[in-house]
Amino acid sequence: MNTSKKSPILYWLFGLLVLSGVLGLTYYSFYYASAPAYFAMGNGRLEANDVHIASKLPGRIEQVTAKEGDQVVKNQLVVKMDTKTLEAQLKQAESQVLKAKVERQRAMAIVEERNSECKYAKKQLQRTQDLIQRNFASEDDLDTAQLKVETTQAACAAAEAMVEVADASIQAAQASAERLKADLEDSSITSPVSGRVLYRIAEPGEIVASGSKILTIIDLSDVYMTVFLSETDAGKVIVGSDARIVLDAVHDLHIPAKVSFISPLAQFTPKVVETREERSKLRFRIKVSVNDAFLKDHIDLIKPGMPGMAYIKLNPEVKWSDIL
């Protein structure tokens, strides 16, 4: 008696399960089954490159201006390192530049003095030679005058070498100062891309080594989906082919895209493809990049990792309304 009353309920439940299975199969067939002959399709996830913000120099972090999830723009200041030591070293290097310039002035004065002595010694030598011709000087006087000329010439050369040493000291001190200025600039770390902060790894006050990661930023200026196509479809696709991306979470939004890369080598399809049969086949990796204008207008919507389908147009004359 009780069993007969429950039977209609069981039938209704069975019917609902069958209906849900049919609807699910219809949904799968529409989004994952097959595309018309003039389209290629593949499933994947939105991807973007990670950019790691690191300190070039070891030191203490003074400030981190971005938090996880924040949007940052290119050249925005995101990390400030403590620069007290560098500023002191720069003052010391600039003092060394001034000191080297003073040493050069001193060396130049010595060069002028030695040149004057050399000129006087040469005149004395000439007078001695004239006196010898008139028998008013001896050969010893001539030798002494000649030695004086050679000595003053050597002194001139030594003085000129001191000038070259001073010039080298100036260049070394200036190079040291320029290096420290560059280090000071590198202590203010800016974002090289516009994107979203994924990880904040270090905090103000922490001491980090050279090359230590502080932030990880997702580069949202180049968002793409990687799909795998058979050789038949891949042979019809060219770089620049028009494409559309449909995310599982937002079916009514058709994201404009272009094919930006086609692998020259076939490979076994990875596990991201839905069925084992498809994964066992050799396919070509295709990169479908999202339109730049769309990225700017929907920056909050784009979330790398979201799954979806990429549709690639094989015939440029076919309209998107034929499939989407």
Foldseek 3Di string as FASTA:
>chain_A
DVVVVCVVVVVVVVVVVVVVVVVVVVVCCQFPNADPPQKHKFKWWKDFDKDFFFAQAWAFWAAADDDAFDWAAAQAFGTAGDCPVLVVQLVVLVVLLVVLVVQLVVLVVQLVVLVVQLVVLVVQLVVQVVCVVVPNHDPVSNVVSVVSNVVSVVSNVVSVVSNVVSVVSNVVSVVSNVVSVVSNVSSRDTHRATFGWHDQDDGGGDTDHRGDTGTMGTHLQWMKTKGWAAPVVLVLADFFFWKWWAFPVHRVDTFTWTWHDKDPDWDQADPVGDDPVNNRDTTIIIIITTDNVVCVVPVVVDDTPTMTMMMTGSDVVDDPVVSD
